[in-house]
Amino acid sequence: MTETETPPTSSPGVRVVTRVMPVRIMIANAKGGCGKTTMATNLASYFTRHGEVTALIDYDPQGSSMDWLQARDENLPVINGVAAFQRLAPTTSTKTWSMRVPVSTSRVVIDTPAGLSGNELSDLIQSSDVIIIPVIPSAIDIRAATGFIRDVLLSRAYRISPKPIAVVANRVRKNTLIYAKLERFLKSLQIPFVAAFRDTQFYVRASEHGLGLVDFEQTDAKDMKEWNALIGWVNQHIKALKNNVN
């Protein structure tokens, strides 16, 4: 969010505050182990490295994104974390994170739990502007992704207000039959297949220290090319959202 002050016409001393909602990017897939936290933490790193006031919202009871933040060096660009899975009551709204981040927040990255479905899925879709669905190359994950994408498209929140959706392939080895099957599946969908991330231990090592790809002085050109594809798609839709608001 951002704050602006508007001079009053008749009441000197009255401060008028206008709040602008941040762009909210949700990383989601009902299947566990598909790399949601890797996507979320690297996106948060990218945004804050490029000057955006960024919040990382963790709905996963495992708290992996919050663990990543705790390991992050205090000299790195600040990312504000909210452990949204720690709800005070079962009826707590999914939107309460907005009361727990700085009003200047311009980017919110939402890490979601496995098993996401029903009303909780619909509520998080309603609270998001962009949805990214990571899928890994396995027959089980392809079947699970098919069902989850169907649930997203049929959810009440999405039918009322459709959001940009993209799928990304995660932990891939491109010269394999199962990746070829995954690629054919993703390209057959009616939503964009925007990036494929290779299987590398870099992400494991980076996560142990609260780092993202952009936090390293030197990174592999292949990794940056893969991430630039996703970042380009996200920024395209952020620009479109801003244009719609204006």
C-alpha atoms as a PDB file:
ATOM      1  CA  MET A   1       0.000   0.000   0.000  1.00  0.00           C
ATOM      2  CA  THR A   2       1.035   3.600  -0.374  1.00  0.00           C
ATOM      3  CA  GLU A   3      -0.083   6.742   1.440  1.00  0.00           C
ATOM      4  CA  THR A   4      -0.728  10.138  -0.084  1.00  0.00           C
ATOM      5  CA  GLU A   5      -1.845  13.313   1.658  1.00  0.00           C
ATOM      6  CA  THR A   6      -4.499  15.525   0.088  1.00  0.00           C
ATOM      7  CA  PRO A   7      -4.815  19.142   1.312  1.00  0.00           C
ATOM      8  CA  PRO A   8      -8.329  19.719   2.702  1.00  0.00           C
ATOM      9  CA  THR A   9     -10.429  22.557   1.282  1.00  0.00           C
ATOM     10  CA  SER A  10     -12.305  23.523   4.432  1.00  0.00           C
ATOM     11  CA  SER A  11     -10.695  21.867   7.449  1.00  0.00           C
ATOM     12  CA  PRO A  12      -7.061  22.896   8.000  1.00  0.00           C
ATOM     13  CA  GLY A  13      -5.101  20.363   9.961  1.00  0.00           C
ATOM     14  CA  VAL A  14      -7.161  17.400   8.730  1.00  0.00           C
ATOM     15  CA  ARG A  15      -4.999  14.791   7.016  1.00  0.00           C
ATOM     16  CA  VAL A  16      -6.666  12.798   4.238  1.00  0.00           C
ATOM     17  CA  VAL A  17      -4.938   9.454   3.646  1.00  0.00           C
ATOM     18  CA  THR A  18      -5.502   7.474   0.468  1.00  0.00           C
ATOM     19  CA  ARG A  19      -4.370   3.856   0.514  1.00  0.00           C
ATOM     20  CA  VAL A  20      -3.560   1.953  -2.648  1.00  0.00           C
ATOM     21  CA  MET A  21      -3.722  -1.838  -2.419  1.00  0.00           C
ATOM     22  CA  PRO A  22      -0.492  -3.672  -3.254  1.00  0.00           C
ATOM     23  CA  VAL A  23      -0.294  -6.135  -6.113  1.00  0.00           C
ATOM     24  CA  ARG A  24      -0.871  -9.605  -4.649  1.00  0.00           C
ATOM     25  CA  ILE A  25       0.731 -12.671  -6.264  1.00  0.00           C
ATOM     26  CA  MET A  26      -0.477 -16.071  -5.069  1.00  0.00           C
ATOM     27  CA  ILE A  27       1.624 -19.221  -5.509  1.00  0.00           C
ATOM     28  CA  ALA A  28      -0.706 -22.194  -5.313  1.00  0.00           C
ATOM     29  CA  ASN A  29      -1.146 -25.885  -5.985  1.00  0.00           C
ATOM     30  CA  ALA A  30      -3.037 -28.357  -3.827  1.00  0.00           C
ATOM     31  CA  LYS A  31      -0.209 -30.876  -4.338  1.00  0.00           C
ATOM     32  CA  GLY A  32       2.599 -30.622  -1.800  1.00  0.00           C
ATOM     33  CA  GLY A  33       6.253 -30.703  -2.776  1.00  0.00           C
ATOM     34  CA  CYS A  34       5.879 -28.829  -6.060  1.00  0.00           C
ATOM     35  CA  GLY A  35       8.089 -25.875  -5.103  1.00  0.00           C
ATOM     36  CA  LYS A  36       5.589 -23.246  -3.984  1.00  0.00           C
ATOM     37  CA  THR A  37       7.888 -21.856  -1.296  1.00  0.00           C
ATOM     38  CA  THR A  38      10.828 -21.700  -3.725  1.00  0.00           C
ATOM     39  CA  MET A  39       8.690 -19.674  -6.122  1.00  0.00           C
ATOM     40  CA  ALA A  40       7.363 -17.417  -3.357  1.00  0.00           C
ATOM     41  CA  THR A  41      10.708 -16.656  -1.712  1.00  0.00           C
ATOM     42  CA  ASN A  42      12.483 -15.977  -4.997  1.00  0.00           C
ATOM     43  CA  LEU A  43       9.721 -13.655  -6.182  1.00  0.00           C
ATOM     44  CA  ALA A  44       9.803 -11.796  -2.870  1.00  0.00           C
ATOM     45  CA  SER A  45      13.600 -11.481  -3.184  1.00  0.00           C
ATOM     46  CA  TYR A  46      13.272 -10.112  -6.699  1.00  0.00           C
ATOM     47  CA  PHE A  47      10.675  -7.489  -5.794  1.00  0.00           C
ATOM     48  CA  THR A  48      12.488  -6.171  -2.733  1.00  0.00           C
ATOM     49  CA  ARG A  49      15.831  -6.131  -4.585  1.00  0.00           C
ATOM     50  CA  HIS A  50      14.163  -3.910  -7.205  1.00  0.00           C
ATOM     51  CA  GLY A  51      12.931  -1.366  -4.691  1.00  0.00           C
ATOM     52  CA  GLU A  52       9.431  -2.638  -3.959  1.00  0.00           C
ATOM     53  CA  VAL A  53       8.230  -2.748  -0.352  1.00  0.00           C
ATOM     54  CA  THR A  54       7.463  -6.450  -0.188  1.00  0.00           C
ATOM     55  CA  ALA A  55       5.529  -8.706   2.160  1.00  0.00           C
ATOM     56  CA  LEU A  56       5.717 -12.498   2.183  1.00  0.00           C
ATOM     57  CA  ILE A  57       2.525 -14.083   3.524  1.00  0.00           C
ATOM     58  CA  ASP A  58       2.799 -17.710   4.650  1.00  0.00           C
ATOM     59  CA  TYR A  59      -0.425 -19.735   4.889  1.00  0.00           C
ATOM     60  CA  ASP A  60       1.382 -23.085   4.984  1.00  0.00           C
ATOM     61  CA  PRO A  61       1.323 -24.612   8.514  1.00  0.00           C
ATOM     62  CA  GLN A  62       4.868 -25.890   7.893  1.00  0.00           C
ATOM     63  CA  GLY A  63       5.996 -22.250   7.965  1.00  0.00           C
ATOM     64  CA  SER A  64       8.745 -22.782   5.390  1.00  0.00           C
ATOM     65  CA  SER A  65       8.629 -19.204   4.097  1.00  0.00           C
ATOM     66  CA  MET A  66       8.898 -17.856   7.635  1.00  0.00           C
ATOM     67  CA  ASP A  67      11.854 -20.177   8.319  1.00  0.00           C
ATOM     68  CA  TRP A  68      13.489 -18.790   5.172  1.00  0.00           C
ATOM     69  CA  LEU A  69      12.957 -15.236   6.393  1.00  0.00           C
ATOM     70  CA  GLN A  70      14.469 -16.032   9.794  1.00  0.00           C
ATOM     71  CA  ALA A  71      17.601 -17.320   8.062  1.00  0.00           C
ATOM     72  CA  ARG A  72      17.872 -14.163   5.944  1.00  0.00           C
ATOM     73  CA  ASP A  73      20.801 -11.855   6.711  1.00  0.00           C
ATOM     74  CA  GLU A  74      19.734  -8.528   8.226  1.00  0.00           C
ATOM     75  CA  ASN A  75      21.948  -6.676   5.729  1.00  0.00           C
ATOM     76  CA  LEU A  76      19.885  -7.917   2.779  1.00  0.00           C
ATOM     77  CA  PRO A  77      16.890  -5.908   1.521  1.00  0.00           C
ATOM     78  CA  VAL A  78      14.054  -6.257   4.023  1.00  0.00           C
ATOM     79  CA  ILE A  79      11.085  -8.519   3.323  1.00  0.00           C
ATOM     80  CA  ASN A  80       8.181  -8.242   5.763  1.00  0.00           C
ATOM     81  CA  GLY A  81       6.812 -11.633   6.780  1.00  0.00           C
ATOM     82  CA  VAL A  82       3.385 -12.611   8.080  1.00  0.00           C
ATOM     83  CA  ALA A  83       2.755 -16.086   9.493  1.00  0.00           C
ATOM     84  CA  ALA A  84      -0.865 -16.136   8.324  1.00  0.00           C
ATOM     85  CA  PHE A  85      -1.236 -19.790   9.309  1.00  0.00           C
ATOM     86  CA  GLN A  86      -1.187 -18.634  12.942  1.00  0.00           C
ATOM     87  CA  ARG A  87      -4.806 -17.604  13.074  1.00  0.00           C
ATOM     88  CA  LEU A  88      -6.348 -16.468  16.296  1.00  0.00           C
ATOM     89  CA  ALA A  89      -9.664 -18.135  15.520  1.00  0.00           C
ATOM     90  CA  PRO A  90     -11.134 -20.427  12.843  1.00  0.00           C
ATOM     91  CA  THR A  91     -13.209 -17.530  11.532  1.00  0.00           C
ATOM     92  CA  THR A  92     -10.230 -15.218  11.043  1.00  0.00           C
ATOM     93  CA  SER A  93     -10.376 -13.658   7.593  1.00  0.00           C
ATOM     94  CA  THR A  94      -7.714 -14.456   5.007  1.00  0.00           C
ATOM     95  CA  LYS A  95      -7.380 -10.689   4.541  1.00  0.00           C
ATOM     96  CA  THR A  96      -6.077  -9.967   8.054  1.00  0.00           C
ATOM     97  CA  TRP A  97      -2.496  -9.958   6.725  1.00  0.00           C
ATOM     98  CA  SER A  98      -3.259  -6.485   5.307  1.00  0.00           C
ATOM     99  CA  MET A  99      -3.365  -5.152   8.861  1.00  0.00           C
ATOM    100  CA  ARG A 100       0.061  -6.612   9.662  1.00  0.00           C
ATOM    101  CA  VAL A 101       2.267  -5.170   6.902  1.00  0.00           C
ATOM    102  CA  PRO A 102       3.539  -1.600   6.357  1.00  0.00           C
ATOM    103  CA  VAL A 103       1.089   0.721   4.635  1.00  0.00           C
ATOM    104  CA  SER A 104       3.788   1.381   2.026  1.00  0.00           C
ATOM    105  CA  THR A 105       3.707  -2.261   0.855  1.00  0.00           C
ATOM    106  CA  SER A 106       3.534  -2.463  -2.935  1.00  0.00           C
ATOM    107  CA  ARG A 107       4.013  -6.213  -3.495  1.00  0.00           C
ATOM    108  CA  VAL A 108       2.537  -9.137  -1.582  1.00  0.00           C
ATOM    109  CA  VAL A 109       3.622 -12.703  -2.321  1.00  0.00           C
ATOM    110  CA  ILE A 110       1.338 -15.395  -0.896  1.00  0.00           C
ATOM    111  CA  ASP A 111       2.673 -18.891  -0.150  1.00  0.00           C
ATOM    112  CA  THR A 112      -0.239 -21.322   0.178  1.00  0.00           C
ATOM    113  CA  PRO A 113      -0.584 -24.738   1.862  1.00  0.00           C
ATOM    114  CA  ALA A 114      -0.958 -28.164   0.322  1.00  0.00           C
ATOM    115  CA  GLY A 115      -4.511 -29.464   0.141  1.00  0.00           C
ATOM    116  CA  LEU A 116      -5.901 -26.028  -0.707  1.00  0.00           C
ATOM    117  CA  SER A 117      -9.536 -26.347  -1.804  1.00  0.00           C
ATOM    118  CA  GLY A 118     -13.107 -25.233  -1.243  1.00  0.00           C
ATOM    119  CA  ASN A 119     -13.856 -21.990   0.560  1.00  0.00           C
ATOM    120  CA  GLU A 120     -10.234 -21.429   1.591  1.00  0.00           C
ATOM    121  CA  LEU A 121      -9.126 -21.629  -2.043  1.00  0.00           C
ATOM    122  CA  SER A 122     -11.913 -19.277  -3.112  1.00  0.00           C
ATOM    123  CA  ASP A 123     -11.055 -16.787  -0.346  1.00  0.00           C
ATOM    124  CA  LEU A 124      -7.387 -16.704  -1.334  1.00  0.00           C
ATOM    125  CA  ILE A 125      -8.266 -16.271  -5.006  1.00  0.00           C
ATOM    126  CA  GLN A 126     -10.464 -13.345  -4.039  1.00  0.00           C
ATOM    127  CA  SER A 127      -7.547 -11.861  -2.068  1.00  0.00           C
ATOM    128  CA  SER A 128      -5.112 -12.178  -5.009  1.00  0.00           C
ATOM    129  CA  ASP A 129      -4.454 -10.345  -8.266  1.00  0.00           C
ATOM    130  CA  VAL A 130      -2.225 -12.893 -10.041  1.00  0.00           C
ATOM    131  CA  ILE A 131      -1.994 -16.679  -9.642  1.00  0.00           C
ATOM    132  CA  ILE A 132       1.060 -18.839 -10.380  1.00  0.00           C
ATOM    133  CA  ILE A 133       0.773 -22.637 -10.317  1.00  0.00           C
ATOM    134  CA  PRO A 134       4.045 -24.621 -10.123  1.00  0.00           C
ATOM    135  CA  VAL A 135       4.007 -28.228 -11.370  1.00  0.00           C
ATOM    136  CA  ILE A 136       6.803 -30.801 -11.246  1.00  0.00           C
ATOM    137  CA  PRO A 137       7.319 -33.548 -13.862  1.00  0.00           C
ATOM    138  CA  SER A 138       5.652 -36.680 -12.526  1.00  0.00           C
ATOM    139  CA  ALA A 139       2.498 -38.519 -13.508  1.00  0.00           C
ATOM    140  CA  ILE A 140       0.994 -37.977 -10.043  1.00  0.00           C
ATOM    141  CA  ASP A 141       1.695 -34.245 -10.127  1.00  0.00           C
ATOM    142  CA  ILE A 142       0.268 -33.854 -13.617  1.00  0.00           C
ATOM    143  CA  ARG A 143      -2.991 -35.493 -12.521  1.00  0.00           C
ATOM    144  CA  ALA A 144      -3.086 -33.391  -9.359  1.00  0.00           C
ATOM    145  CA  ALA A 145      -2.459 -30.188 -11.313  1.00  0.00           C
ATOM    146  CA  THR A 146      -5.313 -31.022 -13.674  1.00  0.00           C
ATOM    147  CA  GLY A 147      -7.731 -31.238 -10.763  1.00  0.00           C
ATOM    148  CA  PHE A 148      -6.407 -28.140  -9.038  1.00  0.00           C
ATOM    149  CA  ILE A 149      -6.591 -25.979 -12.148  1.00  0.00           C
ATOM    150  CA  ARG A 150     -10.173 -27.141 -12.629  1.00  0.00           C
ATOM    151  CA  ASP A 151     -10.977 -26.197  -9.023  1.00  0.00           C
ATOM    152  CA  VAL A 152      -9.473 -22.725  -9.524  1.00  0.00           C
ATOM    153  CA  LEU A 153     -11.402 -22.048 -12.725  1.00  0.00           C
ATOM    154  CA  LEU A 154     -14.671 -23.286 -11.215  1.00  0.00           C
ATOM    155  CA  SER A 155     -14.294 -21.497  -7.884  1.00  0.00           C
ATOM    156  CA  ARG A 156     -16.844 -18.846  -7.080  1.00  0.00           C
ATOM    157  CA  ALA A 157     -14.206 -16.139  -6.602  1.00  0.00           C
ATOM    158  CA  TYR A 158     -12.593 -16.811  -9.981  1.00  0.00           C
ATOM    159  CA  ARG A 159     -15.918 -16.942 -11.846  1.00  0.00           C
ATOM    160  CA  ILE A 160     -16.937 -13.611 -10.308  1.00  0.00           C
ATOM    161  CA  SER A 161     -13.570 -11.957 -10.956  1.00  0.00           C
ATOM    162  CA  PRO A 162     -11.149 -13.884 -13.229  1.00  0.00           C
ATOM    163  CA  LYS A 163      -7.444 -13.372 -12.477  1.00  0.00           C
ATOM    164  CA  PRO A 164      -4.366 -13.856 -14.681  1.00  0.00           C
ATOM    165  CA  ILE A 165      -3.107 -17.422 -14.211  1.00  0.00           C
ATOM    166  CA  ALA A 166       0.162 -18.982 -15.353  1.00  0.00           C
ATOM    167  CA  VAL A 167       1.738 -22.384 -14.838  1.00  0.00           C
ATOM    168  CA  VAL A 168       5.450 -23.020 -14.422  1.00  0.00           C
ATOM    169  CA  ALA A 169       7.353 -26.294 -14.632  1.00  0.00           C
ATOM    170  CA  ASN A 170       9.611 -26.802 -11.639  1.00  0.00           C
ATOM    171  CA  ARG A 171      12.634 -29.068 -10.986  1.00  0.00           C
ATOM    172  CA  VAL A 172      12.819 -30.176 -14.590  1.00  0.00           C
ATOM    173  CA  ARG A 173      15.382 -32.146 -16.537  1.00  0.00           C
ATOM    174  CA  LYS A 174      14.491 -31.198 -20.047  1.00  0.00           C
ATOM    175  CA  ASN A 175      15.943 -34.151 -21.909  1.00  0.00           C
ATOM    176  CA  THR A 176      13.595 -36.671 -20.317  1.00  0.00           C
ATOM    177  CA  LEU A 177      10.377 -38.345 -21.412  1.00  0.00           C
ATOM    178  CA  ILE A 178       8.451 -37.231 -18.336  1.00  0.00           C
ATOM    179  CA  TYR A 179       9.365 -33.572 -18.940  1.00  0.00           C
ATOM    180  CA  ALA A 180       8.206 -33.918 -22.556  1.00  0.00           C
ATOM    181  CA  LYS A 181       4.897 -35.270 -21.223  1.00  0.00           C
ATOM    182  CA  LEU A 182       4.618 -32.413 -18.735  1.00  0.00           C
ATOM    183  CA  GLU A 183       5.426 -29.848 -21.416  1.00  0.00           C
ATOM    184  CA  ARG A 184       2.733 -31.253 -23.724  1.00  0.00           C
ATOM    185  CA  PHE A 185       0.232 -31.193 -20.855  1.00  0.00           C
ATOM    186  CA  LEU A 186       0.984 -27.594 -19.850  1.00  0.00           C
ATOM    187  CA  LYS A 187       0.867 -26.368 -23.438  1.00  0.00           C
ATOM    188  CA  SER A 188      -2.526 -28.041 -23.871  1.00  0.00           C
ATOM    189  CA  LEU A 189      -4.080 -25.902 -21.141  1.00  0.00           C
ATOM    190  CA  GLN A 190      -6.056 -22.752 -21.789  1.00  0.00           C
ATOM    191  CA  ILE A 191      -3.686 -20.798 -19.522  1.00  0.00           C
ATOM    192  CA  PRO A 192      -0.102 -19.661 -20.227  1.00  0.00           C
ATOM    193  CA  PHE A 193       2.867 -21.956 -19.636  1.00  0.00           C
ATOM    194  CA  VAL A 194       5.453 -19.249 -19.001  1.00  0.00           C
ATOM    195  CA  ALA A 195       8.620 -20.811 -17.564  1.00  0.00           C
ATOM    196  CA  ALA A 196      10.494 -24.016 -16.760  1.00  0.00           C
ATOM    197  CA  PHE A 197      13.018 -24.133 -13.905  1.00  0.00           C
ATOM    198  CA  ARG A 198      15.801 -26.675 -14.019  1.00  0.00           C
ATOM    199  CA  ASP A 199      16.531 -29.187 -11.274  1.00  0.00           C
ATOM    200  CA  THR A 200      19.506 -27.767  -9.364  1.00  0.00           C
ATOM    201  CA  GLN A 201      20.829 -27.811  -5.807  1.00  0.00           C
ATOM    202  CA  PHE A 202      21.246 -24.039  -5.998  1.00  0.00           C
ATOM    203  CA  TYR A 203      17.727 -23.482  -4.661  1.00  0.00           C
ATOM    204  CA  VAL A 204      18.300 -25.859  -1.748  1.00  0.00           C
ATOM    205  CA  ARG A 205      21.509 -24.090  -0.732  1.00  0.00           C
ATOM    206  CA  ALA A 206      19.979 -20.640  -1.192  1.00  0.00           C
ATOM    207  CA  SER A 207      16.941 -21.467   0.946  1.00  0.00           C
ATOM    208  CA  GLU A 208      19.157 -22.506   3.860  1.00  0.00           C
ATOM    209  CA  HIS A 209      20.484 -18.944   4.057  1.00  0.00           C
ATOM    210  CA  GLY A 210      17.342 -16.957   3.291  1.00  0.00           C
ATOM    211  CA  LEU A 211      18.574 -16.078  -0.183  1.00  0.00           C
ATOM    212  CA  GLY A 212      16.976 -15.717  -3.579  1.00  0.00           C
ATOM    213  CA  LEU A 213      18.561 -15.893  -6.994  1.00  0.00           C
ATOM    214  CA  VAL A 214      18.913 -12.096  -7.219  1.00  0.00           C
ATOM    215  CA  ASP A 215      20.772 -11.936  -3.891  1.00  0.00           C
ATOM    216  CA  PHE A 216      23.887 -13.517  -5.421  1.00  0.00           C
ATOM    217  CA  GLU A 217      26.487 -11.333  -7.094  1.00  0.00           C
ATOM    218  CA  GLN A 218      27.029 -13.995  -9.752  1.00  0.00           C
ATOM    219  CA  THR A 219      24.317 -16.352 -10.969  1.00  0.00           C
ATOM    220  CA  ASP A 220      24.109 -18.895 -13.731  1.00  0.00           C
ATOM    221  CA  ALA A 221      22.853 -17.323 -16.966  1.00  0.00           C
ATOM    222  CA  LYS A 222      20.509 -20.276 -17.514  1.00  0.00           C
ATOM    223  CA  ASP A 223      18.829 -19.710 -14.158  1.00  0.00           C
ATOM    224  CA  MET A 224      18.410 -15.987 -14.820  1.00  0.00           C
ATOM    225  CA  LYS A 225      16.913 -16.654 -18.242  1.00  0.00           C
ATOM    226  CA  GLU A 226      14.353 -18.994 -16.684  1.00  0.00           C
ATOM    227  CA  TRP A 227      13.415 -16.470 -14.003  1.00  0.00           C
ATOM    228  CA  ASN A 228      13.284 -13.559 -16.427  1.00  0.00           C
ATOM    229  CA  ALA A 229      10.562 -15.388 -18.350  1.00  0.00           C
ATOM    230  CA  LEU A 230       8.370 -15.600 -15.236  1.00  0.00           C
ATOM    231  CA  ILE A 231       9.221 -12.084 -14.037  1.00  0.00           C
ATOM    232  CA  GLY A 232       8.390 -10.696 -17.462  1.00  0.00           C
ATOM    233  CA  TRP A 233       4.938 -12.307 -17.372  1.00  0.00           C
ATOM    234  CA  VAL A 234       4.277 -11.078 -13.815  1.00  0.00           C
ATOM    235  CA  ASN A 235       5.396  -7.515 -14.584  1.00  0.00           C
ATOM    236  CA  GLN A 236       3.248  -7.464 -17.720  1.00  0.00           C
ATOM    237  CA  HIS A 237       0.151  -8.150 -15.642  1.00  0.00           C
ATOM    238  CA  ILE A 238       1.199  -5.759 -12.881  1.00  0.00           C
ATOM    239  CA  LYS A 239       1.382  -3.035 -15.525  1.00  0.00           C
ATOM    240  CA  ALA A 240      -2.054  -4.019 -16.822  1.00  0.00           C
ATOM    241  CA  LEU A 241      -3.503  -3.890 -13.288  1.00  0.00           C
ATOM    242  CA  LYS A 242      -2.103  -0.392 -12.771  1.00  0.00           C
ATOM    243  CA  ASN A 243      -3.508   0.758 -16.092  1.00  0.00           C
ATOM    244  CA  ASN A 244      -6.941  -0.566 -15.161  1.00  0.00           C
ATOM    245  CA  VAL A 245      -6.827   1.286 -11.836  1.00  0.00           C
ATOM    246  CA  ASN A 246      -5.809   4.526 -13.534  1.00  0.00           C
END
